Amino acid sequence: MKSILIILGVLIGIIGMIFLALFIASYRRRPKFNNKGFTTLEKNLLTELYELFDSEIQTKLKAQIEYFEPKKKWRQYWEKSMSMELYGDNENPLSDNLRYKRKDESKLATIRFKTNNEKYHIEFDNYDGRIWGWKIRPNPKSIMKTSTISVTSKKINNDPNSFAQSTFKKEKLKSIPKFNGLLGKLNNIQSINQVFEPIRAEFLENYIKRIDSKLPIEYLDIIKQSEGVDFGDCCILGISEIHSTGLDDGNYLHLAEFDDGILAVKEEEKNGTVYYCHHSGLLDNLGTDFGRIITERINE
């Protein structure tokens, strides 16, 4: 009996140590809010950002950064990247006069640069008519005080003075039509639960141009027949619904969603590679045959 109690005590101690280690790990990764100013590296990159735009947008961006620098912000260093989000002060919000036209959540600009013979890039984000924050990859913690950088390229991703394309309103079809090609094959494997009115050709072309990645031909063939497909326990997203998940090595655009992860293409990749992003954080390179990949996933 005494031996059993000792063994139980040891097991309880081990379990307690495991939970303590997990708690400490999660605490270290918890978002850290602060009111500290921007680093030397960030200030240099912001200067490069201003130079991309005309005087009106430059003035607004500079005023936005001046407003946000002493205000509440979130900075987090990940394994392979750093994220910054600017929150401001609800009691003293950013003036509407300092906001630009573009109100959607979108990428503002990308700057690629080198320092100490290492390549980095920063992505600036828009939201609600102002700069929302940025992400630098790979992890820049060791160079945040660097004053010398060499910019290799920079581009505007979305003009802040433009209006975002209006959201496409999906309309559910009352009955499931007889589909051709891949979509018909998928319906034979697992009955489709819901389909939607296809997006008009001019809207489809606009969405394709907005997406900085190569979309699989088989995915586009499905979208031409239905703006998204719901199988009940999984779904293929319509092109108007595509959104991104940011991982350490880049942004991944959702094409289909499952209980344990998503099928996605990587932003700025032009080879059509499809990835499976597990909710656990694992990432699988599945190749370029979207038809085979989605068929295998639906058939599981």
C-alpha atoms as a PDB file:
ATOM      1  CA  MET A   1       0.000   0.000   0.000  1.00  0.00           C
ATOM      2  CA  LYS A   2       2.811   2.350   0.905  1.00  0.00           C
ATOM      3  CA  SER A   3       4.541   1.623  -2.419  1.00  0.00           C
ATOM      4  CA  ILE A   4       1.345   2.413  -4.330  1.00  0.00           C
ATOM      5  CA  LEU A   5       1.016   5.760  -2.529  1.00  0.00           C
ATOM      6  CA  ILE A   6       4.637   6.594  -3.343  1.00  0.00           C
ATOM      7  CA  ILE A   7       4.113   5.743  -7.029  1.00  0.00           C
ATOM      8  CA  LEU A   8       0.928   7.837  -7.109  1.00  0.00           C
ATOM      9  CA  GLY A   9       2.760  10.724  -5.473  1.00  0.00           C
ATOM     10  CA  VAL A  10       5.531  10.548  -8.058  1.00  0.00           C
ATOM     11  CA  LEU A  11       3.017  10.437 -10.945  1.00  0.00           C
ATOM     12  CA  ILE A  12       1.096  13.404  -9.553  1.00  0.00           C
ATOM     13  CA  GLY A  13       4.358  15.315  -9.213  1.00  0.00           C
ATOM     14  CA  ILE A  14       5.343  14.565 -12.821  1.00  0.00           C
ATOM     15  CA  ILE A  15       1.921  15.603 -14.121  1.00  0.00           C
ATOM     16  CA  GLY A  16       2.104  18.792 -12.077  1.00  0.00           C
ATOM     17  CA  MET A  17       5.526  19.630 -13.533  1.00  0.00           C
ATOM     18  CA  ILE A  18       4.209  19.056 -17.073  1.00  0.00           C
ATOM     19  CA  PHE A  19       1.252  21.398 -16.498  1.00  0.00           C
ATOM     20  CA  LEU A  20       3.572  23.996 -14.973  1.00  0.00           C
ATOM     21  CA  ALA A  21       5.898  23.819 -17.986  1.00  0.00           C
ATOM     22  CA  LEU A  22       2.955  24.185 -20.383  1.00  0.00           C
ATOM     23  CA  PHE A  23       1.634  27.158 -18.409  1.00  0.00           C
ATOM     24  CA  ILE A  24       5.019  28.895 -18.474  1.00  0.00           C
ATOM     25  CA  ALA A  25       5.373  28.269 -22.222  1.00  0.00           C
ATOM     26  CA  SER A  26       1.925  29.673 -22.965  1.00  0.00           C
ATOM     27  CA  TYR A  27       2.567  32.681 -20.706  1.00  0.00           C
ATOM     28  CA  ARG A  28       5.768  33.501 -22.571  1.00  0.00           C
ATOM     29  CA  ARG A  29       3.885  33.510 -25.870  1.00  0.00           C
ATOM     30  CA  ARG A  30       1.034  35.647 -24.522  1.00  0.00           C
ATOM     31  CA  PRO A  31       0.597  38.921 -26.420  1.00  0.00           C
ATOM     32  CA  LYS A  32       2.475  41.782 -24.732  1.00  0.00           C
ATOM     33  CA  PHE A  33       0.787  45.192 -24.837  1.00  0.00           C
ATOM     34  CA  ASN A  34       2.936  48.272 -24.332  1.00  0.00           C
ATOM     35  CA  ASN A  35       3.174  51.997 -25.005  1.00  0.00           C
ATOM     36  CA  LYS A  36       6.823  51.986 -26.045  1.00  0.00           C
ATOM     37  CA  GLY A  37       7.958  53.768 -29.179  1.00  0.00           C
ATOM     38  CA  PHE A  38       9.153  52.138 -32.382  1.00  0.00           C
ATOM     39  CA  THR A  39      12.650  50.725 -32.854  1.00  0.00           C
ATOM     40  CA  THR A  40      15.366  52.153 -35.078  1.00  0.00           C
ATOM     41  CA  LEU A  41      14.728  49.441 -37.667  1.00  0.00           C
ATOM     42  CA  GLU A  42      10.979  50.144 -37.706  1.00  0.00           C
ATOM     43  CA  LYS A  43      11.507  53.888 -38.074  1.00  0.00           C
ATOM     44  CA  ASN A  44      13.826  53.337 -41.052  1.00  0.00           C
ATOM     45  CA  LEU A  45      11.308  50.998 -42.687  1.00  0.00           C
ATOM     46  CA  LEU A  46       8.479  53.465 -42.080  1.00  0.00           C
ATOM     47  CA  THR A  47      10.514  56.141 -43.865  1.00  0.00           C
ATOM     48  CA  GLU A  48      10.851  53.760 -46.819  1.00  0.00           C
ATOM     49  CA  LEU A  49       7.087  53.192 -46.672  1.00  0.00           C
ATOM     50  CA  TYR A  50       6.260  56.924 -46.815  1.00  0.00           C
ATOM     51  CA  GLU A  51       8.342  57.353 -49.957  1.00  0.00           C
ATOM     52  CA  LEU A  52       6.078  54.952 -51.875  1.00  0.00           C
ATOM     53  CA  PHE A  53       3.132  57.389 -51.781  1.00  0.00           C
ATOM     54  CA  ASP A  54       2.112  60.854 -52.884  1.00  0.00           C
ATOM     55  CA  SER A  55       2.284  63.801 -50.485  1.00  0.00           C
ATOM     56  CA  GLU A  56      -1.325  63.442 -49.281  1.00  0.00           C
ATOM     57  CA  ILE A  57      -0.930  59.800 -48.212  1.00  0.00           C
ATOM     58  CA  GLN A  58       2.550  60.498 -46.819  1.00  0.00           C
ATOM     59  CA  THR A  59       1.109  63.213 -44.581  1.00  0.00           C
ATOM     60  CA  LYS A  60      -1.663  60.928 -43.321  1.00  0.00           C
ATOM     61  CA  LEU A  61       0.661  57.972 -42.689  1.00  0.00           C
ATOM     62  CA  LYS A  62       3.159  60.146 -40.804  1.00  0.00           C
ATOM     63  CA  ALA A  63       0.360  61.626 -38.696  1.00  0.00           C
ATOM     64  CA  GLN A  64      -1.033  58.142 -37.983  1.00  0.00           C
ATOM     65  CA  ILE A  65       2.376  56.859 -36.852  1.00  0.00           C
ATOM     66  CA  GLU A  66       2.918  59.978 -34.709  1.00  0.00           C
ATOM     67  CA  TYR A  67      -0.467  59.306 -33.077  1.00  0.00           C
ATOM     68  CA  PHE A  68       0.140  55.576 -32.482  1.00  0.00           C
ATOM     69  CA  GLU A  69       3.766  55.670 -31.303  1.00  0.00           C
ATOM     70  CA  PRO A  70       3.011  56.588 -27.642  1.00  0.00           C
ATOM     71  CA  LYS A  71      -0.301  54.659 -27.615  1.00  0.00           C
ATOM     72  CA  LYS A  72      -1.265  51.059 -26.852  1.00  0.00           C
ATOM     73  CA  LYS A  73       0.261  48.510 -29.208  1.00  0.00           C
ATOM     74  CA  TRP A  74       0.962  44.775 -29.365  1.00  0.00           C
ATOM     75  CA  ARG A  75       4.359  43.392 -30.265  1.00  0.00           C
ATOM     76  CA  GLN A  76       5.096  39.665 -30.382  1.00  0.00           C
ATOM     77  CA  TYR A  77       8.235  37.805 -31.406  1.00  0.00           C
ATOM     78  CA  TRP A  78       7.516  34.379 -32.871  1.00  0.00           C
ATOM     79  CA  GLU A  79       9.979  31.686 -33.863  1.00  0.00           C
ATOM     80  CA  LYS A  80      10.377  33.001 -37.415  1.00  0.00           C
ATOM     81  CA  SER A  81       8.705  36.400 -37.403  1.00  0.00           C
ATOM     82  CA  MET A  82       7.587  39.443 -35.432  1.00  0.00           C
ATOM     83  CA  SER A  83       4.086  40.947 -35.377  1.00  0.00           C
ATOM     84  CA  MET A  84       3.061  44.502 -34.511  1.00  0.00           C
ATOM     85  CA  GLU A  85      -0.543  45.709 -34.153  1.00  0.00           C
ATOM     86  CA  LEU A  86      -1.515  49.318 -33.377  1.00  0.00           C
ATOM     87  CA  TYR A  87      -4.531  49.807 -31.100  1.00  0.00           C
ATOM     88  CA  GLY A  88      -4.476  53.468 -30.060  1.00  0.00           C
ATOM     89  CA  ASP A  89      -6.722  55.033 -27.419  1.00  0.00           C
ATOM     90  CA  ASN A  90     -10.513  54.548 -27.405  1.00  0.00           C
ATOM     91  CA  GLU A  91     -10.990  57.717 -25.357  1.00  0.00           C
ATOM     92  CA  ASN A  92      -8.873  59.751 -27.763  1.00  0.00           C
ATOM     93  CA  PRO A  93      -9.253  57.963 -31.124  1.00  0.00           C
ATOM     94  CA  LEU A  94      -7.448  58.721 -34.351  1.00  0.00           C
ATOM     95  CA  SER A  95      -9.150  61.599 -36.153  1.00  0.00           C
ATOM     96  CA  ASP A  96     -11.227  60.669 -39.213  1.00  0.00           C
ATOM     97  CA  ASN A  97      -9.396  63.451 -41.079  1.00  0.00           C
ATOM     98  CA  LEU A  98      -6.213  61.366 -40.828  1.00  0.00           C
ATOM     99  CA  ARG A  99      -7.777  58.241 -42.349  1.00  0.00           C
ATOM    100  CA  TYR A 100      -7.646  57.333 -46.032  1.00  0.00           C
ATOM    101  CA  LYS A 101     -10.371  55.900 -48.266  1.00  0.00           C
ATOM    102  CA  ARG A 102      -9.575  52.201 -48.122  1.00  0.00           C
ATOM    103  CA  LYS A 103     -11.452  50.676 -45.163  1.00  0.00           C
ATOM    104  CA  ASP A 104     -11.074  46.912 -45.667  1.00  0.00           C
ATOM    105  CA  GLU A 105      -8.527  44.604 -44.061  1.00  0.00           C
ATOM    106  CA  SER A 106      -5.794  44.353 -46.680  1.00  0.00           C
ATOM    107  CA  LYS A 107      -2.067  44.499 -47.279  1.00  0.00           C
ATOM    108  CA  LEU A 108      -0.748  48.041 -47.746  1.00  0.00           C
ATOM    109  CA  ALA A 109       2.821  47.486 -48.932  1.00  0.00           C
ATOM    110  CA  THR A 110       5.758  45.075 -48.917  1.00  0.00           C
ATOM    111  CA  ILE A 111       9.418  46.038 -48.509  1.00  0.00           C
ATOM    112  CA  ARG A 112      12.305  43.588 -48.928  1.00  0.00           C
ATOM    113  CA  PHE A 113      15.667  44.490 -47.435  1.00  0.00           C
ATOM    114  CA  LYS A 114      19.028  43.138 -46.341  1.00  0.00           C
ATOM    115  CA  THR A 115      21.195  43.749 -43.297  1.00  0.00           C
ATOM    116  CA  ASN A 116      24.264  41.837 -42.119  1.00  0.00           C
ATOM    117  CA  ASN A 117      23.981  39.795 -45.351  1.00  0.00           C
ATOM    118  CA  GLU A 118      20.588  38.433 -44.234  1.00  0.00           C
ATOM    119  CA  LYS A 119      17.384  38.847 -46.259  1.00  0.00           C
ATOM    120  CA  TYR A 120      14.205  40.134 -44.562  1.00  0.00           C
ATOM    121  CA  HIS A 121      10.840  41.517 -45.602  1.00  0.00           C
ATOM    122  CA  ILE A 122       8.134  43.554 -43.923  1.00  0.00           C
ATOM    123  CA  GLU A 123       4.416  43.590 -44.756  1.00  0.00           C
ATOM    124  CA  PHE A 124       2.353  46.631 -43.719  1.00  0.00           C
ATOM    125  CA  ASP A 125      -1.391  46.121 -43.214  1.00  0.00           C
ATOM    126  CA  ASN A 126      -4.462  48.358 -43.682  1.00  0.00           C
ATOM    127  CA  TYR A 127      -7.639  48.406 -41.628  1.00  0.00           C
ATOM    128  CA  ASP A 128     -10.416  50.984 -41.226  1.00  0.00           C
ATOM    129  CA  GLY A 129      -8.667  53.677 -43.225  1.00  0.00           C
ATOM    130  CA  ARG A 130      -5.343  53.550 -41.433  1.00  0.00           C
ATOM    131  CA  ILE A 131      -2.170  51.532 -40.973  1.00  0.00           C
ATOM    132  CA  TRP A 132      -3.031  48.572 -38.743  1.00  0.00           C
ATOM    133  CA  GLY A 133       0.432  47.126 -38.145  1.00  0.00           C
ATOM    134  CA  TRP A 134       3.171  45.049 -39.740  1.00  0.00           C
ATOM    135  CA  LYS A 135       4.921  41.703 -39.735  1.00  0.00           C
ATOM    136  CA  ILE A 136       8.664  41.182 -40.310  1.00  0.00           C
ATOM    137  CA  ARG A 137      10.104  37.846 -41.435  1.00  0.00           C
ATOM    138  CA  PRO A 138      12.348  36.145 -40.433  1.00  0.00           C
ATOM    139  CA  ASN A 139      12.466  37.029 -36.733  1.00  0.00           C
ATOM    140  CA  PRO A 140      14.205  40.455 -36.570  1.00  0.00           C
ATOM    141  CA  LYS A 141      14.798  40.626 -32.809  1.00  0.00           C
ATOM    142  CA  SER A 142      18.599  40.718 -33.184  1.00  0.00           C
ATOM    143  CA  ILE A 143      18.508  43.654 -35.667  1.00  0.00           C
ATOM    144  CA  MET A 144      15.851  45.946 -34.141  1.00  0.00           C
ATOM    145  CA  LYS A 145      18.503  48.555 -33.247  1.00  0.00           C
ATOM    146  CA  THR A 146      20.107  48.411 -36.697  1.00  0.00           C
ATOM    147  CA  SER A 147      20.374  51.803 -38.395  1.00  0.00           C
ATOM    148  CA  THR A 148      21.707  50.614 -41.761  1.00  0.00           C
ATOM    149  CA  ILE A 149      19.601  48.565 -44.164  1.00  0.00           C
ATOM    150  CA  SER A 150      19.743  47.949 -47.903  1.00  0.00           C
ATOM    151  CA  VAL A 151      16.313  47.939 -49.552  1.00  0.00           C
ATOM    152  CA  THR A 152      16.167  45.445 -52.433  1.00  0.00           C
ATOM    153  CA  SER A 153      12.558  46.039 -53.504  1.00  0.00           C
ATOM    154  CA  LYS A 154       9.336  47.676 -52.370  1.00  0.00           C
ATOM    155  CA  LYS A 155       5.812  47.819 -53.755  1.00  0.00           C
ATOM    156  CA  ILE A 156       2.308  49.034 -52.968  1.00  0.00           C
ATOM    157  CA  ASN A 157      -0.059  46.084 -52.598  1.00  0.00           C
ATOM    158  CA  ASN A 158      -3.286  48.069 -52.266  1.00  0.00           C
ATOM    159  CA  ASP A 159      -3.663  51.772 -52.960  1.00  0.00           C
ATOM    160  CA  PRO A 160      -4.921  53.397 -49.715  1.00  0.00           C
ATOM    161  CA  ASN A 161      -6.776  56.016 -51.775  1.00  0.00           C
ATOM    162  CA  SER A 162      -8.794  53.391 -53.646  1.00  0.00           C
ATOM    163  CA  PHE A 163     -12.063  51.841 -52.562  1.00  0.00           C
ATOM    164  CA  ALA A 164     -12.094  48.090 -52.016  1.00  0.00           C
ATOM    165  CA  GLN A 165     -14.307  46.053 -54.316  1.00  0.00           C
ATOM    166  CA  SER A 166     -17.755  45.706 -52.804  1.00  0.00           C
ATOM    167  CA  THR A 167     -18.410  42.389 -51.091  1.00  0.00           C
ATOM    168  CA  PHE A 168     -20.074  39.806 -53.297  1.00  0.00           C
ATOM    169  CA  LYS A 169     -23.398  38.682 -51.838  1.00  0.00           C
ATOM    170  CA  LYS A 170     -23.720  34.914 -52.084  1.00  0.00           C
ATOM    171  CA  GLU A 171     -27.101  33.522 -53.108  1.00  0.00           C
ATOM    172  CA  LYS A 172     -27.946  29.939 -52.221  1.00  0.00           C
ATOM    173  CA  LEU A 173     -29.443  27.774 -54.980  1.00  0.00           C
ATOM    174  CA  LYS A 174     -32.717  26.105 -54.029  1.00  0.00           C
ATOM    175  CA  SER A 175     -31.713  22.772 -55.537  1.00  0.00           C
ATOM    176  CA  ILE A 176     -28.444  20.990 -56.324  1.00  0.00           C
ATOM    177  CA  PRO A 177     -27.903  20.995 -60.104  1.00  0.00           C
ATOM    178  CA  LYS A 178     -26.141  18.241 -62.021  1.00  0.00           C
ATOM    179  CA  PHE A 179     -22.512  19.304 -62.081  1.00  0.00           C
ATOM    180  CA  ASN A 180     -19.849  18.430 -64.620  1.00  0.00           C
ATOM    181  CA  GLY A 181     -16.192  17.593 -64.122  1.00  0.00           C
ATOM    182  CA  LEU A 182     -14.532  17.559 -60.729  1.00  0.00           C
ATOM    183  CA  LEU A 183     -17.509  18.999 -58.851  1.00  0.00           C
ATOM    184  CA  GLY A 184     -19.778  16.256 -60.199  1.00  0.00           C
ATOM    185  CA  LYS A 185     -17.205  13.653 -59.122  1.00  0.00           C
ATOM    186  CA  LEU A 186     -17.018  15.128 -55.613  1.00  0.00           C
ATOM    187  CA  ASN A 187     -20.819  15.118 -55.351  1.00  0.00           C
ATOM    188  CA  ASN A 188     -20.807  11.391 -56.152  1.00  0.00           C
ATOM    189  CA  ILE A 189     -18.292  10.765 -53.349  1.00  0.00           C
ATOM    190  CA  GLN A 190     -20.070  12.911 -50.750  1.00  0.00           C
ATOM    191  CA  SER A 191     -23.441  14.535 -51.296  1.00  0.00           C
ATOM    192  CA  ILE A 192     -23.293  18.307 -51.528  1.00  0.00           C
ATOM    193  CA  ASN A 193     -25.238  20.114 -48.824  1.00  0.00           C
ATOM    194  CA  GLN A 194     -25.369  23.637 -50.288  1.00  0.00           C
ATOM    195  CA  VAL A 195     -24.263  25.365 -53.489  1.00  0.00           C
ATOM    196  CA  PHE A 196     -24.474  28.992 -54.567  1.00  0.00           C
ATOM    197  CA  GLU A 197     -25.071  31.140 -57.611  1.00  0.00           C
ATOM    198  CA  PRO A 198     -21.800  31.360 -59.594  1.00  0.00           C
ATOM    199  CA  ILE A 199     -19.979  34.668 -59.481  1.00  0.00           C
ATOM    200  CA  ARG A 200     -20.210  36.770 -62.657  1.00  0.00           C
ATOM    201  CA  ALA A 201     -17.193  36.664 -64.976  1.00  0.00           C
ATOM    202  CA  GLU A 202     -16.199  40.317 -64.437  1.00  0.00           C
ATOM    203  CA  PHE A 203     -16.264  39.897 -60.644  1.00  0.00           C
ATOM    204  CA  LEU A 204     -14.305  36.648 -60.927  1.00  0.00           C
ATOM    205  CA  GLU A 205     -11.548  38.345 -62.933  1.00  0.00           C
ATOM    206  CA  ASN A 206     -11.319  41.184 -60.397  1.00  0.00           C
ATOM    207  CA  TYR A 207     -10.948  38.738 -57.511  1.00  0.00           C
ATOM    208  CA  ILE A 208      -8.296  36.735 -59.388  1.00  0.00           C
ATOM    209  CA  LYS A 209      -6.283  39.936 -59.994  1.00  0.00           C
ATOM    210  CA  ARG A 210      -6.514  40.845 -56.287  1.00  0.00           C
ATOM    211  CA  ILE A 211      -5.042  37.524 -55.152  1.00  0.00           C
ATOM    212  CA  ASP A 212      -1.244  37.566 -55.194  1.00  0.00           C
ATOM    213  CA  SER A 213      -0.874  33.838 -55.812  1.00  0.00           C
ATOM    214  CA  LYS A 214      -1.598  31.236 -58.472  1.00  0.00           C
ATOM    215  CA  LEU A 215      -4.993  29.652 -57.888  1.00  0.00           C
ATOM    216  CA  PRO A 216      -5.334  26.012 -59.027  1.00  0.00           C
ATOM    217  CA  ILE A 217      -7.169  25.589 -62.339  1.00  0.00           C
ATOM    218  CA  GLU A 218      -9.365  22.860 -60.804  1.00  0.00           C
ATOM    219  CA  TYR A 219     -10.401  25.231 -58.009  1.00  0.00           C
ATOM    220  CA  LEU A 220     -11.395  27.900 -60.542  1.00  0.00           C
ATOM    221  CA  ASP A 221     -13.374  25.309 -62.541  1.00  0.00           C
ATOM    222  CA  ILE A 222     -15.414  24.622 -59.376  1.00  0.00           C
ATOM    223  CA  ILE A 223     -15.939  28.345 -58.706  1.00  0.00           C
ATOM    224  CA  LYS A 224     -17.260  28.872 -62.232  1.00  0.00           C
ATOM    225  CA  GLN A 225     -20.087  26.463 -61.309  1.00  0.00           C
ATOM    226  CA  SER A 226     -20.723  27.576 -57.711  1.00  0.00           C
ATOM    227  CA  GLU A 227     -19.400  30.383 -55.492  1.00  0.00           C
ATOM    228  CA  GLY A 228     -18.402  27.920 -52.793  1.00  0.00           C
ATOM    229  CA  VAL A 229     -19.556  24.391 -51.967  1.00  0.00           C
ATOM    230  CA  ASP A 230     -20.763  23.129 -48.573  1.00  0.00           C
ATOM    231  CA  PHE A 231     -20.438  19.381 -47.944  1.00  0.00           C
ATOM    232  CA  GLY A 232     -21.685  19.613 -44.355  1.00  0.00           C
ATOM    233  CA  ASP A 233     -18.501  18.650 -42.492  1.00  0.00           C
ATOM    234  CA  CYS A 234     -16.175  20.526 -44.870  1.00  0.00           C
ATOM    235  CA  CYS A 235     -16.430  23.207 -47.510  1.00  0.00           C
ATOM    236  CA  ILE A 236     -14.730  24.704 -50.563  1.00  0.00           C
ATOM    237  CA  LEU A 237     -14.648  28.477 -50.186  1.00  0.00           C
ATOM    238  CA  GLY A 238     -15.911  30.826 -52.860  1.00  0.00           C
ATOM    239  CA  ILE A 239     -13.304  33.141 -54.343  1.00  0.00           C
ATOM    240  CA  SER A 240     -14.997  36.105 -52.608  1.00  0.00           C
ATOM    241  CA  GLU A 241     -14.451  34.356 -49.253  1.00  0.00           C
ATOM    242  CA  ILE A 242     -10.736  33.635 -49.584  1.00  0.00           C
ATOM    243  CA  HIS A 243      -8.835  34.990 -46.586  1.00  0.00           C
ATOM    244  CA  SER A 244      -5.391  34.404 -45.167  1.00  0.00           C
ATOM    245  CA  THR A 245      -3.814  32.772 -42.148  1.00  0.00           C
ATOM    246  CA  GLY A 246      -0.383  34.129 -41.244  1.00  0.00           C
ATOM    247  CA  LEU A 247       2.256  31.541 -40.355  1.00  0.00           C
ATOM    248  CA  ASP A 248       5.904  32.158 -39.542  1.00  0.00           C
ATOM    249  CA  ASP A 249       7.059  31.663 -43.136  1.00  0.00           C
ATOM    250  CA  GLY A 250       4.254  33.578 -44.868  1.00  0.00           C
ATOM    251  CA  ASN A 251       0.521  33.978 -45.451  1.00  0.00           C
ATOM    252  CA  TYR A 252      -1.637  31.075 -46.588  1.00  0.00           C
ATOM    253  CA  LEU A 253      -4.880  31.658 -48.507  1.00  0.00           C
ATOM    254  CA  HIS A 254      -7.815  29.397 -47.585  1.00  0.00           C
ATOM    255  CA  LEU A 255      -9.328  27.384 -50.460  1.00  0.00           C
ATOM    256  CA  ALA A 256     -11.103  24.659 -48.481  1.00  0.00           C
ATOM    257  CA  GLU A 257     -11.734  24.129 -44.777  1.00  0.00           C
ATOM    258  CA  PHE A 258     -11.940  20.890 -42.760  1.00  0.00           C
ATOM    259  CA  ASP A 259     -12.337  20.045 -39.077  1.00  0.00           C
ATOM    260  CA  ASP A 260      -8.586  19.621 -38.556  1.00  0.00           C
ATOM    261  CA  GLY A 261      -7.153  22.198 -40.959  1.00  0.00           C
ATOM    262  CA  ILE A 262      -7.302  23.981 -44.313  1.00  0.00           C
ATOM    263  CA  LEU A 263      -6.211  23.495 -47.913  1.00  0.00           C
ATOM    264  CA  ALA A 264      -4.378  26.627 -48.974  1.00  0.00           C
ATOM    265  CA  VAL A 265      -1.992  28.237 -51.422  1.00  0.00           C
ATOM    266  CA  LYS A 266       0.847  30.421 -50.215  1.00  0.00           C
ATOM    267  CA  GLU A 267       0.683  34.129 -50.922  1.00  0.00           C
ATOM    268  CA  GLU A 268       3.111  35.325 -53.627  1.00  0.00           C
ATOM    269  CA  GLU A 269       3.853  31.764 -54.802  1.00  0.00           C
ATOM    270  CA  LYS A 270       3.281  31.343 -58.532  1.00  0.00           C
ATOM    271  CA  ASN A 271       3.772  27.568 -58.890  1.00  0.00           C
ATOM    272  CA  GLY A 272       0.296  26.530 -57.703  1.00  0.00           C
ATOM    273  CA  THR A 273       1.501  24.389 -54.799  1.00  0.00           C
ATOM    274  CA  VAL A 274      -1.294  23.373 -52.423  1.00  0.00           C
ATOM    275  CA  TYR A 275      -0.611  23.029 -48.695  1.00  0.00           C
ATOM    276  CA  TYR A 276      -2.493  21.485 -45.820  1.00  0.00           C
ATOM    277  CA  CYS A 277      -2.266  23.733 -42.772  1.00  0.00           C
ATOM    278  CA  HIS A 278      -3.171  21.666 -39.710  1.00  0.00           C
ATOM    279  CA  HIS A 279      -4.804  23.496 -36.808  1.00  0.00           C
ATOM    280  CA  SER A 280      -1.998  21.994 -34.703  1.00  0.00           C
ATOM    281  CA  GLY A 281       0.508  24.130 -36.628  1.00  0.00           C
ATOM    282  CA  LEU A 282       1.941  21.416 -38.904  1.00  0.00           C
ATOM    283  CA  LEU A 283       2.234  22.182 -42.611  1.00  0.00           C
ATOM    284  CA  ASP A 284       2.150  19.611 -45.445  1.00  0.00           C
ATOM    285  CA  ASN A 285       3.224  20.296 -49.037  1.00  0.00           C
ATOM    286  CA  LEU A 286       0.709  18.307 -51.124  1.00  0.00           C
ATOM    287  CA  GLY A 287       1.841  19.217 -54.640  1.00  0.00           C
ATOM    288  CA  THR A 288      -0.002  21.060 -57.388  1.00  0.00           C
ATOM    289  CA  ASP A 289      -2.842  18.649 -58.335  1.00  0.00           C
ATOM    290  CA  PHE A 290      -5.769  20.278 -56.524  1.00  0.00           C
ATOM    291  CA  GLY A 291      -8.249  17.856 -58.120  1.00  0.00           C
ATOM    292  CA  ARG A 292      -6.492  14.813 -56.699  1.00  0.00           C
ATOM    293  CA  ILE A 293      -5.901  16.500 -53.338  1.00  0.00           C
ATOM    294  CA  ILE A 294      -9.493  17.631 -52.748  1.00  0.00           C
ATOM    295  CA  THR A 295     -10.838  14.269 -53.973  1.00  0.00           C
ATOM    296  CA  GLU A 296      -8.650  12.364 -51.499  1.00  0.00           C
ATOM    297  CA  ARG A 297      -9.662  14.682 -48.649  1.00  0.00           C
ATOM    298  CA  ILE A 298     -13.406  14.419 -49.409  1.00  0.00           C
ATOM    299  CA  ASN A 299     -13.073  10.639 -49.764  1.00  0.00           C
ATOM    300  CA  GLU A 300     -11.455  10.137 -46.318  1.00  0.00           C
END
